[in-house]
Protein backbone atom coordinates (compact mmCIF):
# COMPACT_ATOMS: atom_id res chain seq x y z
CA MET A 1 -0.15 -0.18 -0.29
CA ILE A 2 2.93 2.80 0.77
CA LYS A 3 5.50 1.67 -2.26
CA LYS A 4 2.09 2.20 -4.32
CA PHE A 5 0.68 6.08 -2.70
CA GLY A 6 4.88 6.32 -2.85
CA LYS A 7 5.06 6.27 -6.60
CA PHE A 8 1.92 7.94 -7.41
CA PHE A 9 2.88 10.40 -5.62
CA ARG A 10 6.89 10.12 -7.28
CA TYR A 11 4.28 9.66 -11.37
CA ILE A 12 1.45 12.78 -9.97
CA GLU A 13 2.66 15.28 -12.80
CA GLU A 14 2.55 12.64 -15.59
CA ILE A 15 -0.42 11.51 -13.71
CA LEU A 16 -2.49 14.34 -14.12
CA CYS A 17 -1.30 15.79 -17.04
CA ALA A 18 -2.20 12.90 -18.94
CA SER A 19 -5.64 13.14 -16.89
CA LEU A 20 -6.51 16.09 -17.70
CA LEU A 21 -5.00 15.91 -21.61
CA ILE A 22 -7.47 12.88 -22.22
CA ILE A 23 -10.13 15.81 -20.57
CA MET A 24 -9.53 18.06 -22.86
CA VAL A 25 -9.18 14.78 -26.05
CA ALA A 26 -12.83 14.55 -24.28
CA ILE A 27 -14.62 17.52 -23.90
CA SER A 28 -12.71 18.62 -28.08
CA SER A 29 -14.18 15.43 -29.81
CA ILE A 30 -18.19 15.66 -28.09
CA ASN A 31 -18.04 19.31 -28.90
CA ILE A 32 -17.08 18.36 -32.53
CA ILE A 33 -19.43 15.71 -33.16
CA THR A 34 -22.82 17.92 -31.35
CA ARG A 35 -21.72 20.64 -34.79
CA TYR A 36 -22.39 17.92 -37.48
CA ILE A 37 -24.52 15.72 -35.44
CA PRO A 38 -27.36 17.67 -33.90
CA LEU A 39 -27.82 16.63 -30.75
CA GLY A 40 -30.29 19.55 -28.92
CA ILE A 41 -26.83 20.26 -26.25
CA SER A 42 -24.43 22.80 -26.93
CA PHE A 43 -21.19 22.75 -26.01
CA ALA A 44 -20.19 26.59 -26.15
CA ALA A 45 -18.19 26.70 -22.50
CA SER A 46 -16.27 24.23 -23.75
CA GLU A 47 -13.99 26.38 -25.52
CA GLU A 48 -13.58 28.37 -22.29
CA LEU A 49 -12.38 24.90 -20.10
CA ILE A 50 -10.40 23.54 -22.30
CA VAL A 51 -8.86 27.36 -22.12
CA ASN A 52 -8.17 27.27 -18.91
CA LEU A 53 -7.05 23.15 -18.11
CA PHE A 54 -4.72 24.12 -21.07
CA VAL A 55 -2.71 27.00 -18.64
CA TRP A 56 -2.75 23.82 -15.66
CA LEU A 57 -1.25 21.37 -18.58
CA THR A 58 1.39 24.33 -19.66
CA MET A 59 2.94 24.68 -15.41
CA LEU A 60 2.91 20.59 -15.40
CA GLY A 61 4.36 19.75 -18.84
CA ALA A 62 7.45 22.44 -17.71
CA VAL A 63 7.21 20.43 -13.97
CA ILE A 64 7.56 17.05 -15.91
CA ALA A 65 10.17 18.49 -18.49
CA ILE A 66 13.14 19.99 -15.08
CA LYS A 67 11.44 15.80 -13.45
CA HIS A 68 13.18 14.11 -16.91
CA ARG A 69 15.37 16.69 -17.13
CA SER A 70 14.46 17.61 -21.23
CA HIS A 71 14.04 21.11 -20.93
CA ILE A 72 15.95 23.32 -22.72
CA SER A 73 18.90 23.94 -21.96
CA ILE A 74 22.48 26.06 -22.55
CA THR A 75 25.07 24.47 -21.83
CA PHE A 76 27.48 26.63 -23.39
CA ILE A 77 28.48 28.97 -20.56
CA THR A 78 28.36 25.58 -18.80
CA ARG A 79 31.23 24.10 -20.76
CA LYS A 80 33.48 26.98 -20.52
CA VAL A 81 33.26 27.12 -16.95
CA PRO A 82 36.22 24.95 -15.59
CA GLU A 83 35.20 21.77 -13.65
CA LYS A 84 36.10 23.14 -10.55
CA TYR A 85 34.10 25.01 -10.32
CA GLN A 86 30.77 23.81 -12.08
CA HIS A 87 29.29 23.76 -8.61
CA ILE A 88 29.13 27.08 -8.30
CA PHE A 89 27.66 27.39 -11.46
CA LEU A 90 25.45 24.89 -10.60
CA LEU A 91 24.73 26.98 -7.45
CA VAL A 92 23.62 30.58 -9.49
CA ARG A 93 21.29 28.55 -11.67
CA TRP A 94 19.62 26.87 -8.98
CA PHE A 95 18.96 30.58 -7.62
CA SER A 96 18.04 32.11 -10.25
CA VAL A 97 15.35 29.69 -11.28
CA LEU A 98 14.79 29.96 -7.40
CA LEU A 99 14.14 33.48 -7.80
CA VAL A 100 12.13 33.94 -11.32
CA PHE A 101 9.90 31.18 -9.49
CA ALA A 102 9.46 32.44 -6.96
CA PHE A 103 8.00 35.22 -8.24
CA LEU A 104 6.00 34.05 -10.37
CA CYS A 105 4.12 31.57 -6.77
CA PHE A 106 4.02 34.84 -4.72
CA TYR A 107 2.78 36.99 -7.29
CA GLY A 108 0.24 34.08 -9.02
CA THR A 109 -0.71 33.45 -5.56
CA ILE A 110 -1.57 37.17 -5.18
CA GLU A 111 -3.69 37.50 -7.89
CA THR A 112 -5.71 33.70 -6.48
CA TRP A 113 -6.30 35.17 -3.25
CA ALA A 114 -7.57 38.26 -4.75
CA GLU A 115 -9.61 36.31 -7.57
CA TYR A 116 -11.05 34.29 -4.82
CA ARG A 117 -11.88 37.69 -2.17
CA SER A 118 -13.39 38.81 -5.15
CA GLY A 119 -16.15 36.10 -6.07
CA MET A 120 -14.60 36.29 -9.62
CA MET A 121 -16.75 33.53 -11.83
CA THR A 122 -16.23 32.10 -15.13
CA TYR A 123 -18.28 34.06 -18.33
CA SER A 124 -19.38 30.92 -19.78
CA LEU A 125 -18.71 28.18 -16.70
CA GLY A 126 -19.50 30.08 -14.33
CA TRP A 127 -16.72 28.60 -12.15
CA PRO A 128 -14.83 30.21 -10.25
CA PHE A 129 -11.71 31.79 -11.38
CA TRP A 130 -8.90 31.29 -8.52
CA PHE A 131 -9.68 27.47 -9.59
CA PHE A 132 -6.89 27.93 -13.26
CA THR A 133 -5.35 31.15 -11.74
CA LEU A 134 -4.46 28.54 -9.12
CA SER A 135 -1.84 26.89 -11.25
CA LEU A 136 0.31 29.45 -11.32
CA PRO A 137 1.83 29.04 -7.48
CA VAL A 138 0.66 25.99 -7.80
CA GLY A 139 3.17 25.27 -11.13
CA SER A 140 5.67 27.27 -9.63
CA LEU A 141 6.11 25.21 -5.63
CA LEU A 142 5.91 22.64 -7.78
CA PHE A 143 8.61 23.24 -10.76
CA LEU A 144 11.39 24.53 -7.18
CA PHE A 145 10.84 21.45 -5.65
CA ARG A 146 11.16 19.54 -9.05
CA PHE A 147 13.81 21.11 -9.72
CA SER A 148 15.71 21.82 -6.60
CA GLN A 149 15.56 17.42 -6.59
CA LEU A 150 17.40 17.86 -9.42
CA THR A 151 19.87 20.28 -9.04
CA TYR A 152 20.73 17.99 -5.72
CA GLN A 153 21.25 14.77 -7.88
CA GLU A 154 24.19 17.77 -9.85
CA LEU A 155 25.32 18.48 -7.21
CA LYS A 156 26.07 14.66 -6.16
CA LEU A 157 27.90 13.50 -9.17
CA GLN A 158 30.13 16.79 -9.51
CA LYS A 159 31.49 15.35 -5.51
């Protein structure tokens, strides 16, 4: 039981992304089918939902990319730094990413809280806007966690 729980959290981003993608494809497919086969069902709000879920998908996709080391990286500077100073470069890189995503998390949290307090709702669905904006702080924290793991592993390899 505990092993399955650990495996779930090891792949939480992939599970969430796959689920979101399945939902988005299903909604889009149903929307297309109802355009050509008149069923008397309106899916006018589906586009709003898909666009907002795409924000979640983007943030989680960035986390997956960093987790699997498939993110874009520029190695020109890294190769120029002498090997004995590589650990310093890794720490500077980590701190730079920390600043950017801490900024994104901070302002994403402020925006999410403002939308929550104001009770803003999406136009077509009438869902709370803050649910979709929450992707910024949650995605940023997950990204920082995974990037910190990656940096720690790379520092361990340097020793």
